[in-house]
Amino acid sequence: MAETTARNARKMRTGIVVSRSGDKTVTVKIDYRKHHPKYGKMMTISKKLHVHDENNECGVGDTVRVMETRPLSKTKRWRLAEIVERAK
């Protein structure tokens, strides 16, 4: 039971697949909005995450949910949780 509780506390993010980097790896772009610290204007901040896709299910343009995990390689720290919506 303790393992399930710890696993549920992991960070989850939703983003769009922008690249299929290599075998079992995709690049996901995460967008979020925050206030500028001095001027107060809303800014859109983008981050690119390298995500482990075990079954090579994702395609470019898919909306996916990713979960934080242990380091899998030099840059991969996230893994695919689910595909929310396929690209059209």
Protein backbone atom coordinates (compact mmCIF):
# COMPACT_ATOMS: atom_id res chain seq x y z
CA MET A 1 0.00 0.00 0.00
CA ALA A 2 2.87 2.40 0.75
CA GLU A 3 4.24 1.91 -2.79
CA THR A 4 0.88 2.87 -4.34
CA THR A 5 0.67 6.05 -2.25
CA ALA A 6 4.19 7.12 -3.25
CA ARG A 7 3.50 6.44 -6.92
CA ASN A 8 0.33 8.55 -6.88
CA ALA A 9 2.36 11.56 -5.67
CA ARG A 10 4.43 11.72 -8.87
CA LYS A 11 4.19 14.76 -11.12
CA MET A 12 1.88 14.46 -14.11
CA ARG A 13 1.98 16.80 -17.10
CA THR A 14 -0.05 17.03 -20.32
CA GLY A 15 1.53 18.11 -23.59
CA ILE A 16 1.84 17.60 -27.33
CA VAL A 17 4.31 15.28 -29.06
CA VAL A 18 6.57 17.37 -31.29
CA SER A 19 9.17 14.78 -32.30
CA ARG A 20 9.85 11.06 -32.37
CA SER A 21 13.46 11.26 -31.28
CA GLY A 22 14.49 7.63 -31.55
CA ASP A 23 13.47 4.14 -30.56
CA LYS A 24 11.14 4.30 -27.52
CA THR A 25 11.64 8.06 -27.11
CA VAL A 26 9.42 11.04 -27.94
CA THR A 27 9.78 14.76 -27.27
CA VAL A 28 6.77 16.40 -25.63
CA LYS A 29 6.18 20.16 -25.48
CA ILE A 30 4.54 21.38 -22.26
CA ASP A 31 2.98 24.88 -22.20
CA TYR A 32 1.99 26.75 -19.07
CA ARG A 33 1.16 30.36 -18.24
CA LYS A 34 2.57 32.55 -15.48
CA HIS A 35 2.74 36.20 -14.53
CA HIS A 36 5.83 38.23 -15.29
CA PRO A 37 7.40 39.01 -11.90
CA LYS A 38 7.83 42.75 -12.53
CA TYR A 39 5.22 43.75 -15.11
CA GLY A 40 2.42 41.31 -14.29
CA LYS A 41 1.71 40.42 -17.92
CA MET A 42 0.81 36.79 -18.59
CA MET A 43 3.55 34.85 -20.38
CA THR A 44 3.36 31.45 -22.04
CA ILE A 45 6.31 29.31 -21.03
CA SER A 46 7.23 26.18 -23.01
CA LYS A 47 9.33 23.23 -21.91
CA LYS A 48 10.42 20.21 -23.94
CA LEU A 49 10.61 16.88 -22.14
CA HIS A 50 12.14 13.64 -23.39
CA VAL A 51 9.64 10.89 -22.64
CA HIS A 52 10.02 7.10 -22.59
CA ASP A 53 7.44 5.45 -24.88
CA GLU A 54 7.89 1.72 -24.33
CA ASN A 55 5.69 0.50 -27.22
CA ASN A 56 6.34 3.32 -29.73
CA GLU A 57 2.61 4.18 -29.64
CA CYS A 58 2.84 7.97 -30.00
CA GLY A 59 2.83 9.97 -33.19
CA VAL A 60 3.66 13.60 -33.83
CA GLY A 61 0.73 15.82 -32.82
CA ASP A 62 -0.74 13.46 -30.22
CA THR A 63 -1.80 14.92 -26.88
CA VAL A 64 -0.29 12.80 -24.10
CA ARG A 65 -0.09 12.66 -20.32
CA VAL A 66 3.38 11.94 -18.91
CA MET A 67 4.55 10.88 -15.46
CA GLU A 68 7.79 11.68 -13.68
CA THR A 69 10.02 8.65 -13.10
CA ARG A 70 13.56 7.65 -12.23
CA PRO A 71 16.32 8.63 -14.70
CA LEU A 72 16.15 6.31 -17.69
CA SER A 73 19.00 7.92 -19.66
CA LYS A 74 21.01 11.14 -19.73
CA THR A 75 17.95 13.24 -20.66
CA LYS A 76 14.90 11.00 -20.07
CA ARG A 77 13.19 11.58 -16.71
CA TRP A 78 9.55 11.10 -17.79
CA ARG A 79 7.50 8.20 -19.10
CA LEU A 80 4.26 7.94 -21.04
CA ALA A 81 1.20 7.47 -18.81
CA GLU A 82 -1.54 7.64 -21.46
CA ILE A 83 -2.45 9.03 -24.85
CA VAL A 84 -5.24 11.55 -24.27
CA GLU A 85 -6.02 12.32 -27.93
CA ARG A 86 -4.61 11.12 -31.25
CA ALA A 87 -3.51 13.61 -33.91
CA LYS A 88 -6.06 14.29 -36.63
